[in-house]
Each structure stands twice: as structure tokens, then as C-alpha cells.
């Protein structure tokens, strides 16, 4: 009986030890940590990202629309902003008071990146060797974070730019390319001014305009050269006019915005769909 009692006690101690190990094992404990940045996402209206290996990026929210303001001006890609904002809400695996003298030890003295949500600074340091979690600091605290976000901070500038030619709700009322000059007449019928005797289907015009409204570029980059090509003019219902310089390259085209100098890259096939009226039966 005494032997059985000893065995049962040993098993109980073993189970308690395993439970304690599971509880204390990094990444397995139930985290009651507050979010990395104590600001609700809805109240964040500026983000600044300083990168060790790339240019600094600044974004501002203006009338509920996020825009890049440095190093260039452009609408920001909604998906990228969503992921950046989620970084502010990460709950650390663990947090400790940060001794300023130990910042070098955690890679925070020369941080891989610094990100500011409004005026709150978050430093991103090196990874620890046991579980490959990343050190970060904010508000005088040292944090251990699952390393799933750094690529959003170190991505090339083009990854932050909205790849749509037109914003949501934009309505085209006229389009001019090298082969088309679509205008609506006083009787609301459509005409190609380059071929005034040819009838134009309103449905075909709408299909073509939708190609422009929903067009998403393969990539968007700042055009630094002065290469010239065909001129394209879009007139929108809000009296805004968008003008592009069309540069043809092998199997692709660039639409370079005359104002922003942003070059939107499309496949040649896609641009043909954007510049050809459908033949409807």
C-alpha cells in the first residue's frame, strides 16, 4: 500500500512538473499582455517607418484615406496599411522593464527598423536564439514578439503604393487614346471623334471604362526618366482630368501619370483590353 502511495505521489509530481513546464514554455503561456501600442487603430492617423537599409516612409490619414507623403506622394495600398496597423495591436509573448544600457544587447541601439504610430516609437531589434522571436521596445518596455511582421516594414517602396489607376467611385465621362476619342453627345449617345461616322455601343463604352476603373497595375514605381510616348487623357465626373504618358516596352506598357510621375506597369494583353472597344452583337 505504501509502495502504491509513493508511485501515485511520484506520478502526481511528474504531472505537475509537466504542467508547469508547459505553462512557462515561451510562446505557450496564455498572454495577458497589453497591445504593443496603447492606441486604438481608429485613432492612428500617422505612421512613420525608419529603415536601416532603405528610405524612410511616411503615411498620413486624410479624410479616411491613407496617403504616402514621403519619399513621394501617392495613395497608399489599403492591404499594406491594414497590416501595418495590425502591428500596433500585437500582444507580446512577454514584456520586461527595459534597461537603457542593455539596448545594444537586444539589437535596439542600431534598430533594424523604427516605426512610429502617431508619436509612439517602436524599435525593432534582433531575434533571440531559442525560439527566433524578435526583440522590440516601446514605452520603456522590452518585448518578445513572434517574428511574423518585419517584411511589412522592410518592403520596397512600391509595395506601399496603391496599384489602382482610379480611386473607388471614380466615373469616367471621356477617354482619349491614340486610337479612341470617346465623347458623349448632347443626346447621350457615344461617339468616337476619330471615326465620327461609326456607331458606338453604349454597352461597349461601359465595358471599356470598367477596364480602366478596375485596372490594377502589376507594379507601381516612380518614373525618373524622361522617355516620351503616346498621350492618354481621362476625364472624370468630378471635373478631374488624369493624363498619362504611354510607354510601350516588350510585352508590357507603362502608364506614367503626368502629375505624380508614377509609372503603372501593365501587360500588353491587359492594355489592349483597356484600349479596344468590344464588338457586341
C-alpha atoms as a PDB file:
ATOM      1  CA  UNK A   1       0.000   0.000   0.000  1.00  0.00           C
ATOM      2  CA  UNK A   2       2.828   2.337   0.928  1.00  0.00           C
ATOM      3  CA  UNK A   3       4.598   1.495  -2.335  1.00  0.00           C
ATOM      4  CA  UNK A   4       1.456   2.326  -4.339  1.00  0.00           C
ATOM      5  CA  UNK A   5       1.100   5.641  -2.496  1.00  0.00           C
ATOM      6  CA  UNK A   6       4.689   6.558  -3.325  1.00  0.00           C
ATOM      7  CA  UNK A   7       4.100   5.703  -7.006  1.00  0.00           C
ATOM      8  CA  UNK A   8       0.925   7.793  -7.082  1.00  0.00           C
ATOM      9  CA  UNK A   9       2.664  10.749  -5.463  1.00  0.00           C
ATOM     10  CA  UNK A  10       5.545  10.453  -7.934  1.00  0.00           C
ATOM     11  CA  UNK A  11       3.123  10.470 -10.858  1.00  0.00           C
ATOM     12  CA  UNK A  12       1.318  13.491  -9.411  1.00  0.00           C
ATOM     13  CA  UNK A  13       4.606  15.391  -9.031  1.00  0.00           C
ATOM     14  CA  UNK A  14       5.564  14.474 -12.603  1.00  0.00           C
ATOM     15  CA  UNK A  15       2.227  15.719 -13.962  1.00  0.00           C
ATOM     16  CA  UNK A  16       2.508  18.958 -12.003  1.00  0.00           C
ATOM     17  CA  UNK A  17       6.055  19.448 -13.305  1.00  0.00           C
ATOM     18  CA  UNK A  18       4.978  18.884 -16.903  1.00  0.00           C
ATOM     19  CA  UNK A  19       2.109  21.326 -16.459  1.00  0.00           C
ATOM     20  CA  UNK A  20       4.482  23.927 -15.057  1.00  0.00           C
ATOM     21  CA  UNK A  21       6.897  23.437 -17.958  1.00  0.00           C
ATOM     22  CA  UNK A  22       4.066  23.804 -20.480  1.00  0.00           C
ATOM     23  CA  UNK A  23       2.864  26.959 -18.726  1.00  0.00           C
ATOM     24  CA  UNK A  24       6.307  28.558 -18.600  1.00  0.00           C
ATOM     25  CA  UNK A  25       7.476  27.485 -22.043  1.00  0.00           C
ATOM     26  CA  UNK A  26       7.874  30.642 -24.197  1.00  0.00           C
ATOM     27  CA  UNK A  27       5.062  31.059 -26.669  1.00  0.00           C
ATOM     28  CA  UNK A  28       2.764  28.613 -24.916  1.00  0.00           C
ATOM     29  CA  UNK A  29       1.614  30.621 -21.943  1.00  0.00           C
ATOM     30  CA  UNK A  30      -1.670  32.497 -22.106  1.00  0.00           C
ATOM     31  CA  UNK A  31      -0.673  36.071 -22.757  1.00  0.00           C
ATOM     32  CA  UNK A  32      -2.371  38.806 -20.793  1.00  0.00           C
ATOM     33  CA  UNK A  33      -0.021  41.389 -22.247  1.00  0.00           C
ATOM     34  CA  UNK A  34      -1.473  44.693 -23.474  1.00  0.00           C
ATOM     35  CA  UNK A  35      -1.087  45.606 -27.131  1.00  0.00           C
ATOM     36  CA  UNK A  36       2.297  46.859 -28.319  1.00  0.00           C
ATOM     37  CA  UNK A  37       0.891  50.364 -28.806  1.00  0.00           C
ATOM     38  CA  UNK A  38      -1.852  51.592 -26.428  1.00  0.00           C
ATOM     39  CA  UNK A  39      -3.865  53.356 -29.154  1.00  0.00           C
ATOM     40  CA  UNK A  40      -6.978  52.096 -30.878  1.00  0.00           C
ATOM     41  CA  UNK A  41      -6.394  51.559 -34.606  1.00  0.00           C
ATOM     42  CA  UNK A  42      -9.180  54.041 -35.428  1.00  0.00           C
ATOM     43  CA  UNK A  43      -7.232  56.785 -33.631  1.00  0.00           C
ATOM     44  CA  UNK A  44      -3.958  56.247 -35.503  1.00  0.00           C
ATOM     45  CA  UNK A  45      -3.606  58.871 -38.247  1.00  0.00           C
ATOM     46  CA  UNK A  46       0.126  58.871 -38.976  1.00  0.00           C
ATOM     47  CA  UNK A  47       2.774  56.193 -39.458  1.00  0.00           C
ATOM     48  CA  UNK A  48       6.497  56.732 -39.952  1.00  0.00           C
ATOM     49  CA  UNK A  49       8.859  53.869 -40.758  1.00  0.00           C
ATOM     50  CA  UNK A  50      12.606  54.390 -40.492  1.00  0.00           C
ATOM     51  CA  UNK A  51      14.539  51.504 -42.060  1.00  0.00           C
ATOM     52  CA  UNK A  52      18.228  50.698 -41.665  1.00  0.00           C
ATOM     53  CA  UNK A  53      18.580  49.514 -45.268  1.00  0.00           C
ATOM     54  CA  UNK A  54      16.040  51.662 -47.135  1.00  0.00           C
ATOM     55  CA  UNK A  55      14.431  55.084 -47.308  1.00  0.00           C
ATOM     56  CA  UNK A  56      12.131  56.421 -44.601  1.00  0.00           C
ATOM     57  CA  UNK A  57       8.416  56.119 -45.366  1.00  0.00           C
ATOM     58  CA  UNK A  58       5.739  58.459 -44.006  1.00  0.00           C
ATOM     59  CA  UNK A  59       1.991  57.921 -44.274  1.00  0.00           C
ATOM     60  CA  UNK A  60      -0.901  60.116 -43.170  1.00  0.00           C
ATOM     61  CA  UNK A  61      -4.633  59.510 -42.990  1.00  0.00           C
ATOM     62  CA  UNK A  62      -6.502  62.290 -44.768  1.00  0.00           C
ATOM     63  CA  UNK A  63     -10.312  62.184 -44.841  1.00  0.00           C
ATOM     64  CA  UNK A  64     -10.271  58.444 -44.078  1.00  0.00           C
ATOM     65  CA  UNK A  65      -7.839  57.834 -46.970  1.00  0.00           C
ATOM     66  CA  UNK A  66      -4.248  56.822 -46.233  1.00  0.00           C
ATOM     67  CA  UNK A  67      -1.630  58.512 -48.388  1.00  0.00           C
ATOM     68  CA  UNK A  68       2.109  58.275 -48.761  1.00  0.00           C
ATOM     69  CA  UNK A  69       3.641  61.697 -48.153  1.00  0.00           C
ATOM     70  CA  UNK A  70       7.331  60.716 -48.233  1.00  0.00           C
ATOM     71  CA  UNK A  71       9.540  59.910 -50.033  1.00  0.00           C
ATOM     72  CA  UNK A  72       6.840  60.538 -52.666  1.00  0.00           C
ATOM     73  CA  UNK A  73       3.150  61.397 -52.721  1.00  0.00           C
ATOM     74  CA  UNK A  74       0.633  58.686 -53.689  1.00  0.00           C
ATOM     75  CA  UNK A  75      -2.418  56.843 -52.439  1.00  0.00           C
ATOM     76  CA  UNK A  76      -1.368  54.041 -50.098  1.00  0.00           C
ATOM     77  CA  UNK A  77      -2.246  50.400 -50.724  1.00  0.00           C
ATOM     78  CA  UNK A  78      -5.130  49.511 -48.396  1.00  0.00           C
ATOM     79  CA  UNK A  79      -3.924  45.959 -47.726  1.00  0.00           C
ATOM     80  CA  UNK A  80      -0.449  47.133 -46.725  1.00  0.00           C
ATOM     81  CA  UNK A  81      -1.906  49.757 -44.358  1.00  0.00           C
ATOM     82  CA  UNK A  82      -4.116  47.152 -42.739  1.00  0.00           C
ATOM     83  CA  UNK A  83      -1.074  45.006 -41.974  1.00  0.00           C
ATOM     84  CA  UNK A  84       0.959  47.939 -40.673  1.00  0.00           C
ATOM     85  CA  UNK A  85      -1.845  48.960 -38.328  1.00  0.00           C
ATOM     86  CA  UNK A  86      -2.138  45.396 -37.041  1.00  0.00           C
ATOM     87  CA  UNK A  87       1.493  45.583 -35.895  1.00  0.00           C
ATOM     88  CA  UNK A  88       0.420  48.180 -33.336  1.00  0.00           C
ATOM     89  CA  UNK A  89      -2.020  45.663 -31.848  1.00  0.00           C
ATOM     90  CA  UNK A  90       0.403  42.742 -31.472  1.00  0.00           C
ATOM     91  CA  UNK A  91       0.356  41.289 -27.960  1.00  0.00           C
ATOM     92  CA  UNK A  92       3.914  40.433 -26.901  1.00  0.00           C
ATOM     93  CA  UNK A  93       4.732  36.921 -25.745  1.00  0.00           C
ATOM     94  CA  UNK A  94       6.423  38.546 -22.771  1.00  0.00           C
ATOM     95  CA  UNK A  95       7.498  42.012 -21.636  1.00  0.00           C
ATOM     96  CA  UNK A  96      10.070  43.334 -19.170  1.00  0.00           C
ATOM     97  CA  UNK A  97      11.255  46.743 -17.993  1.00  0.00           C
ATOM     98  CA  UNK A  98      13.984  47.870 -20.383  1.00  0.00           C
ATOM     99  CA  UNK A  99      17.357  48.906 -19.029  1.00  0.00           C
ATOM    100  CA  UNK A 100      18.695  51.536 -21.492  1.00  0.00           C
ATOM    101  CA  UNK A 101      22.197  50.141 -21.012  1.00  0.00           C
ATOM    102  CA  UNK A 102      21.093  46.777 -22.465  1.00  0.00           C
ATOM    103  CA  UNK A 103      19.695  48.142 -25.746  1.00  0.00           C
ATOM    104  CA  UNK A 104      22.822  47.136 -27.643  1.00  0.00           C
ATOM    105  CA  UNK A 105      22.460  43.561 -26.405  1.00  0.00           C
ATOM    106  CA  UNK A 106      18.988  43.244 -27.946  1.00  0.00           C
ATOM    107  CA  UNK A 107      19.835  44.980 -31.231  1.00  0.00           C
ATOM    108  CA  UNK A 108      17.834  48.072 -30.313  1.00  0.00           C
ATOM    109  CA  UNK A 109      20.684  50.587 -30.307  1.00  0.00           C
ATOM    110  CA  UNK A 110      21.016  50.219 -34.101  1.00  0.00           C
ATOM    111  CA  UNK A 111      17.474  49.014 -34.728  1.00  0.00           C
ATOM    112  CA  UNK A 112      16.560  47.096 -37.876  1.00  0.00           C
ATOM    113  CA  UNK A 113      13.587  49.433 -38.138  1.00  0.00           C
ATOM    114  CA  UNK A 114      11.738  52.067 -36.148  1.00  0.00           C
ATOM    115  CA  UNK A 115       8.018  52.543 -36.582  1.00  0.00           C
ATOM    116  CA  UNK A 116       6.037  55.426 -35.132  1.00  0.00           C
ATOM    117  CA  UNK A 117       2.287  55.181 -34.638  1.00  0.00           C
ATOM    118  CA  UNK A 118       1.296  58.829 -34.117  1.00  0.00           C
ATOM    119  CA  UNK A 119       4.066  59.823 -31.688  1.00  0.00           C
ATOM    120  CA  UNK A 120       4.712  56.409 -30.086  1.00  0.00           C
ATOM    121  CA  UNK A 121       8.037  54.888 -31.115  1.00  0.00           C
ATOM    122  CA  UNK A 122       8.543  51.147 -31.511  1.00  0.00           C
ATOM    123  CA  UNK A 123      12.104  49.890 -32.014  1.00  0.00           C
ATOM    124  CA  UNK A 124      12.613  46.574 -33.789  1.00  0.00           C
ATOM    125  CA  UNK A 125      15.761  44.695 -32.784  1.00  0.00           C
ATOM    126  CA  UNK A 126      17.382  41.329 -33.441  1.00  0.00           C
ATOM    127  CA  UNK A 127      15.927  37.862 -32.895  1.00  0.00           C
ATOM    128  CA  UNK A 128      16.652  35.723 -29.852  1.00  0.00           C
ATOM    129  CA  UNK A 129      18.283  32.348 -30.455  1.00  0.00           C
ATOM    130  CA  UNK A 130      15.922  29.956 -28.633  1.00  0.00           C
ATOM    131  CA  UNK A 131      12.586  30.486 -30.384  1.00  0.00           C
ATOM    132  CA  UNK A 132      13.652  33.019 -33.039  1.00  0.00           C
ATOM    133  CA  UNK A 133      11.353  35.650 -31.580  1.00  0.00           C
ATOM    134  CA  UNK A 134      12.168  39.272 -32.197  1.00  0.00           C
ATOM    135  CA  UNK A 135      13.082  41.848 -29.596  1.00  0.00           C
ATOM    136  CA  UNK A 136      11.210  45.145 -29.711  1.00  0.00           C
ATOM    137  CA  UNK A 137      10.798  48.059 -27.361  1.00  0.00           C
ATOM    138  CA  UNK A 138       8.161  50.701 -26.740  1.00  0.00           C
ATOM    139  CA  UNK A 139       7.232  52.912 -23.813  1.00  0.00           C
ATOM    140  CA  UNK A 140      10.281  51.807 -21.818  1.00  0.00           C
ATOM    141  CA  UNK A 141       9.444  48.103 -22.124  1.00  0.00           C
ATOM    142  CA  UNK A 142      11.351  45.257 -23.767  1.00  0.00           C
ATOM    143  CA  UNK A 143       9.075  42.885 -25.675  1.00  0.00           C
ATOM    144  CA  UNK A 144       9.430  39.486 -27.291  1.00  0.00           C
ATOM    145  CA  UNK A 145       7.285  39.192 -30.428  1.00  0.00           C
ATOM    146  CA  UNK A 146       6.593  36.377 -32.843  1.00  0.00           C
ATOM    147  CA  UNK A 147       8.667  37.309 -35.882  1.00  0.00           C
ATOM    148  CA  UNK A 148       5.889  37.498 -38.492  1.00  0.00           C
ATOM    149  CA  UNK A 149       5.794  41.190 -39.396  1.00  0.00           C
ATOM    150  CA  UNK A 150       9.261  42.535 -40.249  1.00  0.00           C
ATOM    151  CA  UNK A 151       8.802  42.083 -44.013  1.00  0.00           C
ATOM    152  CA  UNK A 152       5.993  44.647 -43.912  1.00  0.00           C
ATOM    153  CA  UNK A 153       8.459  47.235 -42.594  1.00  0.00           C
ATOM    154  CA  UNK A 154      11.337  46.451 -44.942  1.00  0.00           C
ATOM    155  CA  UNK A 155       9.352  46.025 -48.180  1.00  0.00           C
ATOM    156  CA  UNK A 156      10.330  48.147 -51.211  1.00  0.00           C
ATOM    157  CA  UNK A 157       8.585  51.479 -51.578  1.00  0.00           C
ATOM    158  CA  UNK A 158       6.429  50.185 -54.437  1.00  0.00           C
ATOM    159  CA  UNK A 159       4.745  47.724 -52.043  1.00  0.00           C
ATOM    160  CA  UNK A 160       3.131  50.656 -50.186  1.00  0.00           C
ATOM    161  CA  UNK A 161       1.630  52.351 -53.262  1.00  0.00           C
ATOM    162  CA  UNK A 162      -1.966  51.728 -54.338  1.00  0.00           C
ATOM    163  CA  UNK A 163      -1.739  49.908 -57.673  1.00  0.00           C
ATOM    164  CA  UNK A 164      -5.173  51.086 -58.856  1.00  0.00           C
ATOM    165  CA  UNK A 165      -5.278  53.729 -61.558  1.00  0.00           C
ATOM    166  CA  UNK A 166      -8.532  55.193 -60.234  1.00  0.00           C
ATOM    167  CA  UNK A 167      -9.959  55.504 -56.744  1.00  0.00           C
ATOM    168  CA  UNK A 168     -13.229  53.875 -55.696  1.00  0.00           C
ATOM    169  CA  UNK A 169     -16.258  55.650 -57.114  1.00  0.00           C
ATOM    170  CA  UNK A 170     -14.413  57.340 -59.986  1.00  0.00           C
ATOM    171  CA  UNK A 171     -16.646  57.757 -63.042  1.00  0.00           C
ATOM    172  CA  UNK A 172     -15.117  58.257 -66.490  1.00  0.00           C
ATOM    173  CA  UNK A 173     -17.022  60.572 -68.821  1.00  0.00           C
ATOM    174  CA  UNK A 174     -14.489  60.808 -71.678  1.00  0.00           C
ATOM    175  CA  UNK A 175     -11.415  58.890 -72.849  1.00  0.00           C
ATOM    176  CA  UNK A 176      -8.787  59.740 -75.422  1.00  0.00           C
ATOM    177  CA  UNK A 177      -6.008  57.392 -76.582  1.00  0.00           C
ATOM    178  CA  UNK A 178      -4.044  57.128 -79.820  1.00  0.00           C
ATOM    179  CA  UNK A 179      -6.961  55.330 -81.495  1.00  0.00           C
ATOM    180  CA  UNK A 180     -10.016  56.420 -79.492  1.00  0.00           C
ATOM    181  CA  UNK A 181     -11.623  59.712 -78.608  1.00  0.00           C
ATOM    182  CA  UNK A 182     -14.821  58.755 -76.820  1.00  0.00           C
ATOM    183  CA  UNK A 183     -17.191  61.604 -76.058  1.00  0.00           C
ATOM    184  CA  UNK A 184     -20.870  61.658 -75.082  1.00  0.00           C
ATOM    185  CA  UNK A 185     -23.114  63.697 -77.355  1.00  0.00           C
ATOM    186  CA  UNK A 186     -25.968  66.023 -76.402  1.00  0.00           C
ATOM    187  CA  UNK A 187     -28.399  63.145 -76.982  1.00  0.00           C
ATOM    188  CA  UNK A 188     -26.355  60.955 -74.547  1.00  0.00           C
ATOM    189  CA  UNK A 189     -25.141  58.737 -77.393  1.00  0.00           C
ATOM    190  CA  UNK A 190     -21.439  57.894 -77.606  1.00  0.00           C
ATOM    191  CA  UNK A 191     -19.154  58.760 -80.462  1.00  0.00           C
ATOM    192  CA  UNK A 192     -15.537  58.082 -81.357  1.00  0.00           C
ATOM    193  CA  UNK A 193     -14.464  61.515 -82.601  1.00  0.00           C
ATOM    194  CA  UNK A 194     -11.667  59.889 -84.605  1.00  0.00           C
ATOM    195  CA  UNK A 195     -14.346  57.973 -86.579  1.00  0.00           C
ATOM    196  CA  UNK A 196     -17.461  60.135 -86.371  1.00  0.00           C
ATOM    197  CA  UNK A 197     -19.448  58.074 -88.876  1.00  0.00           C
ATOM    198  CA  UNK A 198     -19.002  54.834 -86.936  1.00  0.00           C
ATOM    199  CA  UNK A 199     -21.720  53.951 -84.415  1.00  0.00           C
ATOM    200  CA  UNK A 200     -20.552  53.219 -80.888  1.00  0.00           C
ATOM    201  CA  UNK A 201     -22.421  50.955 -78.468  1.00  0.00           C
ATOM    202  CA  UNK A 202     -23.041  52.445 -75.023  1.00  0.00           C
ATOM    203  CA  UNK A 203     -22.550  48.959 -73.530  1.00  0.00           C
ATOM    204  CA  UNK A 204     -19.179  48.623 -75.253  1.00  0.00           C
ATOM    205  CA  UNK A 205     -18.138  52.016 -73.862  1.00  0.00           C
ATOM    206  CA  UNK A 206     -19.186  50.991 -70.350  1.00  0.00           C
ATOM    207  CA  UNK A 207     -17.210  47.732 -70.622  1.00  0.00           C
ATOM    208  CA  UNK A 208     -14.149  49.684 -71.734  1.00  0.00           C
ATOM    209  CA  UNK A 209     -14.490  52.263 -68.952  1.00  0.00           C
ATOM    210  CA  UNK A 210     -14.807  49.436 -66.426  1.00  0.00           C
ATOM    211  CA  UNK A 211     -11.467  48.088 -67.641  1.00  0.00           C
ATOM    212  CA  UNK A 212      -9.945  51.391 -66.517  1.00  0.00           C
ATOM    213  CA  UNK A 213     -11.973  51.711 -63.316  1.00  0.00           C
ATOM    214  CA  UNK A 214     -10.927  48.284 -62.026  1.00  0.00           C
ATOM    215  CA  UNK A 215      -7.430  48.163 -63.508  1.00  0.00           C
ATOM    216  CA  UNK A 216      -4.681  47.141 -61.102  1.00  0.00           C
ATOM    217  CA  UNK A 217      -1.078  47.512 -62.174  1.00  0.00           C
ATOM    218  CA  UNK A 218       1.438  44.682 -61.885  1.00  0.00           C
ATOM    219  CA  UNK A 219       3.733  47.158 -60.157  1.00  0.00           C
ATOM    220  CA  UNK A 220       3.991  50.895 -59.499  1.00  0.00           C
ATOM    221  CA  UNK A 221       7.261  52.791 -59.356  1.00  0.00           C
ATOM    222  CA  UNK A 222       8.432  56.361 -59.637  1.00  0.00           C
ATOM    223  CA  UNK A 223       9.481  57.153 -63.200  1.00  0.00           C
ATOM    224  CA  UNK A 224      12.757  59.041 -63.099  1.00  0.00           C
ATOM    225  CA  UNK A 225      13.473  59.118 -66.852  1.00  0.00           C
ATOM    226  CA  UNK A 226      12.058  61.473 -69.473  1.00  0.00           C
ATOM    227  CA  UNK A 227      11.027  58.888 -72.065  1.00  0.00           C
ATOM    228  CA  UNK A 228       8.000  60.062 -74.030  1.00  0.00           C
ATOM    229  CA  UNK A 229       5.262  58.123 -75.808  1.00  0.00           C
ATOM    230  CA  UNK A 230       1.565  58.305 -76.623  1.00  0.00           C
ATOM    231  CA  UNK A 231      -0.694  60.614 -74.645  1.00  0.00           C
ATOM    232  CA  UNK A 232      -3.786  59.331 -72.811  1.00  0.00           C
ATOM    233  CA  UNK A 233      -6.446  61.559 -71.285  1.00  0.00           C
ATOM    234  CA  UNK A 234      -9.198  60.521 -68.876  1.00  0.00           C
ATOM    235  CA  UNK A 235     -11.908  62.973 -67.872  1.00  0.00           C
ATOM    236  CA  UNK A 236     -13.787  62.134 -64.679  1.00  0.00           C
ATOM    237  CA  UNK A 237     -17.234  63.180 -63.488  1.00  0.00           C
ATOM    238  CA  UNK A 238     -15.772  65.262 -60.623  1.00  0.00           C
ATOM    239  CA  UNK A 239     -14.119  67.524 -63.232  1.00  0.00           C
ATOM    240  CA  UNK A 240     -10.751  65.914 -62.541  1.00  0.00           C
ATOM    241  CA  UNK A 241      -8.561  65.097 -65.536  1.00  0.00           C
ATOM    242  CA  UNK A 242      -5.957  62.314 -65.449  1.00  0.00           C
ATOM    243  CA  UNK A 243      -3.271  62.365 -68.113  1.00  0.00           C
ATOM    244  CA  UNK A 244      -0.781  59.590 -68.772  1.00  0.00           C
ATOM    245  CA  UNK A 245       2.233  59.075 -70.975  1.00  0.00           C
ATOM    246  CA  UNK A 246       2.091  55.600 -72.556  1.00  0.00           C
ATOM    247  CA  UNK A 247       5.486  53.920 -72.949  1.00  0.00           C
ATOM    248  CA  UNK A 248       5.496  50.632 -74.840  1.00  0.00           C
ATOM    249  CA  UNK A 249       8.070  48.015 -73.868  1.00  0.00           C
ATOM    250  CA  UNK A 250       8.472  44.362 -74.744  1.00  0.00           C
ATOM    251  CA  UNK A 251       5.291  42.524 -73.655  1.00  0.00           C
ATOM    252  CA  UNK A 252       4.290  45.364 -71.340  1.00  0.00           C
ATOM    253  CA  UNK A 253       3.339  49.028 -71.192  1.00  0.00           C
ATOM    254  CA  UNK A 254       3.923  51.769 -68.652  1.00  0.00           C
ATOM    255  CA  UNK A 255       1.265  54.380 -67.945  1.00  0.00           C
ATOM    256  CA  UNK A 256       3.143  57.298 -66.420  1.00  0.00           C
ATOM    257  CA  UNK A 257       0.961  59.806 -64.570  1.00  0.00           C
ATOM    258  CA  UNK A 258       1.886  63.295 -65.798  1.00  0.00           C
ATOM    259  CA  UNK A 259       1.396  64.831 -62.337  1.00  0.00           C
ATOM    260  CA  UNK A 260       2.833  62.265 -59.920  1.00  0.00           C
ATOM    261  CA  UNK A 261       5.381  60.667 -62.291  1.00  0.00           C
ATOM    262  CA  UNK A 262       4.248  57.263 -61.035  1.00  0.00           C
ATOM    263  CA  UNK A 263       4.618  54.526 -63.653  1.00  0.00           C
ATOM    264  CA  UNK A 264       1.884  51.858 -63.624  1.00  0.00           C
ATOM    265  CA  UNK A 265       3.004  48.669 -65.348  1.00  0.00           C
ATOM    266  CA  UNK A 266       0.501  46.526 -67.273  1.00  0.00           C
ATOM    267  CA  UNK A 267       0.864  43.542 -69.549  1.00  0.00           C
ATOM    268  CA  UNK A 268       0.414  44.254 -73.234  1.00  0.00           C
ATOM    269  CA  UNK A 269      -2.655  42.000 -73.225  1.00  0.00           C
ATOM    270  CA  UNK A 270      -4.254  43.950 -70.393  1.00  0.00           C
ATOM    271  CA  UNK A 271      -3.628  47.284 -72.080  1.00  0.00           C
ATOM    272  CA  UNK A 272      -5.189  46.014 -75.289  1.00  0.00           C
ATOM    273  CA  UNK A 273      -8.347  45.320 -73.268  1.00  0.00           C
ATOM    274  CA  UNK A 274      -8.154  48.886 -71.922  1.00  0.00           C
ATOM    275  CA  UNK A 275      -7.844  50.447 -75.378  1.00  0.00           C
ATOM    276  CA  UNK A 276     -10.179  48.388 -77.572  1.00  0.00           C
ATOM    277  CA  UNK A 277     -13.950  48.670 -77.814  1.00  0.00           C
ATOM    278  CA  UNK A 278     -15.713  45.308 -77.576  1.00  0.00           C
ATOM    279  CA  UNK A 279     -17.666  44.166 -80.594  1.00  0.00           C
ATOM    280  CA  UNK A 280     -21.061  43.333 -79.153  1.00  0.00           C
ATOM    281  CA  UNK A 281     -23.729  41.533 -81.117  1.00  0.00           C
END
